[in-house]
Amino acid sequence: MSIIGPRPLLPEYLPLYSPEQARRHEIRPGVTGWAQTNGRNAISWKKKFELDVWYVDNVSFALDVKILSLTALKVVKREGVNQSDAPGVEVTMPKSDGTN
């Protein structure tokens, strides 16, 4: 595992990946990644996979530094923790079914 890379998911998700989504496994998983800095739990599973694959195609030291900086900012601001930023709504990401 590395610091930057697509966040690892439970093994039960493996059969649900499309061939394009499975590309996220071409690099080591990380503690934080491009999807976490671009929406975290406030975006769909489909968008997370798109962002993970984009990162695989564009990985660089400069991008990793940007992700680390954005991660620190998101944690301090508590952005994207819940699926909705509506006041009083605290719902994290629903389980993926391979289509959402």
C-alpha atoms as a PDB file:
ATOM      1  CA  MET A   1       0.000   0.000   0.000  1.00  0.00           C
ATOM      2  CA  SER A   2       1.190   3.532  -0.689  1.00  0.00           C
ATOM      3  CA  ILE A   3       0.136   6.942   0.576  1.00  0.00           C
ATOM      4  CA  ILE A   4      -1.398   8.022  -2.753  1.00  0.00           C
ATOM      5  CA  GLY A   5      -3.466   5.736  -4.980  1.00  0.00           C
ATOM      6  CA  PRO A   6      -7.000   4.433  -5.442  1.00  0.00           C
ATOM      7  CA  ARG A   7      -8.504   3.553  -2.057  1.00  0.00           C
ATOM      8  CA  PRO A   8      -8.703  -0.222  -1.572  1.00  0.00           C
ATOM      9  CA  LEU A   9     -12.181  -1.720  -1.518  1.00  0.00           C
ATOM     10  CA  LEU A  10     -13.530  -4.925  -0.033  1.00  0.00           C
ATOM     11  CA  PRO A  11     -12.791  -8.114  -2.027  1.00  0.00           C
ATOM     12  CA  GLU A  12     -16.545  -8.641  -2.436  1.00  0.00           C
ATOM     13  CA  TYR A  13     -16.520  -5.805  -5.010  1.00  0.00           C
ATOM     14  CA  LEU A  14     -14.078  -7.564  -7.378  1.00  0.00           C
ATOM     15  CA  PRO A  15     -16.726  -9.406  -9.451  1.00  0.00           C
ATOM     16  CA  LEU A  16     -18.671  -6.146  -9.877  1.00  0.00           C
ATOM     17  CA  TYR A  17     -15.903  -4.222 -11.682  1.00  0.00           C
ATOM     18  CA  SER A  18     -16.132  -3.584 -15.393  1.00  0.00           C
ATOM     19  CA  PRO A  19     -12.838  -4.107 -17.265  1.00  0.00           C
ATOM     20  CA  GLU A  20     -12.302  -0.326 -17.260  1.00  0.00           C
ATOM     21  CA  GLN A  21     -12.993  -0.048 -13.507  1.00  0.00           C
ATOM     22  CA  ALA A  22     -10.612  -2.937 -12.806  1.00  0.00           C
ATOM     23  CA  ARG A  23      -7.780  -0.795 -14.206  1.00  0.00           C
ATOM     24  CA  ARG A  24      -7.646   0.894 -10.796  1.00  0.00           C
ATOM     25  CA  HIS A  25      -5.649  -2.179  -9.706  1.00  0.00           C
ATOM     26  CA  GLU A  26      -2.811  -1.416 -12.134  1.00  0.00           C
ATOM     27  CA  ILE A  27      -1.115   0.574  -9.349  1.00  0.00           C
ATOM     28  CA  ARG A  28      -0.823   0.087  -5.597  1.00  0.00           C
ATOM     29  CA  PRO A  29      -3.766   1.265  -3.484  1.00  0.00           C
ATOM     30  CA  GLY A  30      -3.336   4.285  -1.256  1.00  0.00           C
ATOM     31  CA  VAL A  31      -4.575   5.917   1.901  1.00  0.00           C
ATOM     32  CA  THR A  32      -5.865   8.869  -0.142  1.00  0.00           C
ATOM     33  CA  GLY A  33      -6.381   9.437  -3.831  1.00  0.00           C
ATOM     34  CA  TRP A  34      -7.756  11.585  -6.629  1.00  0.00           C
ATOM     35  CA  ALA A  35     -11.357  10.466  -5.949  1.00  0.00           C
ATOM     36  CA  GLN A  36     -11.069  11.433  -2.277  1.00  0.00           C
ATOM     37  CA  THR A  37      -9.919  14.945  -3.168  1.00  0.00           C
ATOM     38  CA  ASN A  38     -12.675  15.345  -5.749  1.00  0.00           C
ATOM     39  CA  GLY A  39     -15.778  14.487  -3.788  1.00  0.00           C
ATOM     40  CA  ARG A  40     -15.011  11.717  -1.318  1.00  0.00           C
ATOM     41  CA  ASN A  41     -18.394  10.257  -0.242  1.00  0.00           C
ATOM     42  CA  ALA A  42     -20.399  13.006  -1.962  1.00  0.00           C
ATOM     43  CA  ILE A  43     -19.877  11.494  -5.441  1.00  0.00           C
ATOM     44  CA  SER A  44     -21.220   8.306  -7.022  1.00  0.00           C
ATOM     45  CA  TRP A  45     -19.334   5.038  -7.228  1.00  0.00           C
ATOM     46  CA  LYS A  46     -19.232   5.466 -11.018  1.00  0.00           C
ATOM     47  CA  LYS A  47     -17.530   8.859 -10.665  1.00  0.00           C
ATOM     48  CA  LYS A  48     -15.070   7.441  -8.092  1.00  0.00           C
ATOM     49  CA  PHE A  49     -14.034   4.701 -10.505  1.00  0.00           C
ATOM     50  CA  GLU A  50     -13.655   7.238 -13.337  1.00  0.00           C
ATOM     51  CA  LEU A  51     -11.413   9.383 -11.133  1.00  0.00           C
ATOM     52  CA  ASP A  52      -9.372   6.351 -10.008  1.00  0.00           C
ATOM     53  CA  VAL A  53      -8.753   5.287 -13.623  1.00  0.00           C
ATOM     54  CA  TRP A  54      -7.896   8.876 -14.571  1.00  0.00           C
ATOM     55  CA  TYR A  55      -5.288   8.858 -11.793  1.00  0.00           C
ATOM     56  CA  VAL A  56      -3.826   5.555 -13.073  1.00  0.00           C
ATOM     57  CA  ASP A  57      -3.426   7.163 -16.508  1.00  0.00           C
ATOM     58  CA  ASN A  58      -1.943  10.417 -15.165  1.00  0.00           C
ATOM     59  CA  VAL A  59       0.129   9.401 -12.125  1.00  0.00           C
ATOM     60  CA  SER A  60       3.052  11.727 -11.419  1.00  0.00           C
ATOM     61  CA  PHE A  61       5.002  13.131  -8.490  1.00  0.00           C
ATOM     62  CA  ALA A  62       3.456  16.584  -9.017  1.00  0.00           C
ATOM     63  CA  LEU A  63      -0.061  15.104  -8.972  1.00  0.00           C
ATOM     64  CA  ASP A  64       0.740  13.188  -5.771  1.00  0.00           C
ATOM     65  CA  VAL A  65       1.906  16.401  -4.094  1.00  0.00           C
ATOM     66  CA  LYS A  66      -1.322  18.106  -5.205  1.00  0.00           C
ATOM     67  CA  ILE A  67      -3.408  15.218  -3.826  1.00  0.00           C
ATOM     68  CA  LEU A  68      -1.593  15.359  -0.472  1.00  0.00           C
ATOM     69  CA  SER A  69      -2.226  19.113  -0.234  1.00  0.00           C
ATOM     70  CA  LEU A  70      -5.891  18.783  -1.210  1.00  0.00           C
ATOM     71  CA  THR A  71      -6.367  15.897   1.220  1.00  0.00           C
ATOM     72  CA  ALA A  72      -5.088  17.974   4.121  1.00  0.00           C
ATOM     73  CA  LEU A  73      -7.418  20.805   3.120  1.00  0.00           C
ATOM     74  CA  LYS A  74     -10.449  18.487   2.788  1.00  0.00           C
ATOM     75  CA  VAL A  75      -9.793  16.902   6.183  1.00  0.00           C
ATOM     76  CA  VAL A  76      -9.526  20.266   7.913  1.00  0.00           C
ATOM     77  CA  LYS A  77     -12.689  21.548   6.186  1.00  0.00           C
ATOM     78  CA  ARG A  78     -14.489  18.184   6.606  1.00  0.00           C
ATOM     79  CA  GLU A  79     -15.686  18.352   2.985  1.00  0.00           C
ATOM     80  CA  GLY A  80     -17.289  15.363   1.280  1.00  0.00           C
ATOM     81  CA  VAL A  81     -17.531  13.210   4.400  1.00  0.00           C
ATOM     82  CA  ASN A  82     -21.281  12.685   4.010  1.00  0.00           C
ATOM     83  CA  GLN A  83     -23.105  11.793   0.831  1.00  0.00           C
ATOM     84  CA  SER A  84     -25.125  15.001   1.161  1.00  0.00           C
ATOM     85  CA  ASP A  85     -23.926  18.321   2.533  1.00  0.00           C
ATOM     86  CA  ALA A  86     -27.485  19.158   3.629  1.00  0.00           C
ATOM     87  CA  PRO A  87     -27.647  20.260   7.272  1.00  0.00           C
ATOM     88  CA  GLY A  88     -28.417  17.381   9.612  1.00  0.00           C
ATOM     89  CA  VAL A  89     -27.894  14.716   6.933  1.00  0.00           C
ATOM     90  CA  GLU A  90     -25.136  12.280   7.850  1.00  0.00           C
ATOM     91  CA  VAL A  91     -25.155   9.493   5.297  1.00  0.00           C
ATOM     92  CA  THR A  92     -21.908   7.956   4.133  1.00  0.00           C
ATOM     93  CA  MET A  93     -21.454   6.081   0.873  1.00  0.00           C
ATOM     94  CA  PRO A  94     -24.012   3.347   0.051  1.00  0.00           C
ATOM     95  CA  LYS A  95     -22.688  -0.098  -0.808  1.00  0.00           C
ATOM     96  CA  SER A  96     -21.828  -0.502  -4.491  1.00  0.00           C
ATOM     97  CA  ASP A  97     -23.887  -2.910  -6.582  1.00  0.00           C
ATOM     98  CA  GLY A  98     -21.727  -2.506  -9.688  1.00  0.00           C
ATOM     99  CA  THR A  99     -24.138  -0.091 -11.376  1.00  0.00           C
ATOM    100  CA  ASN A 100     -24.205   2.913  -9.052  1.00  0.00           C
END
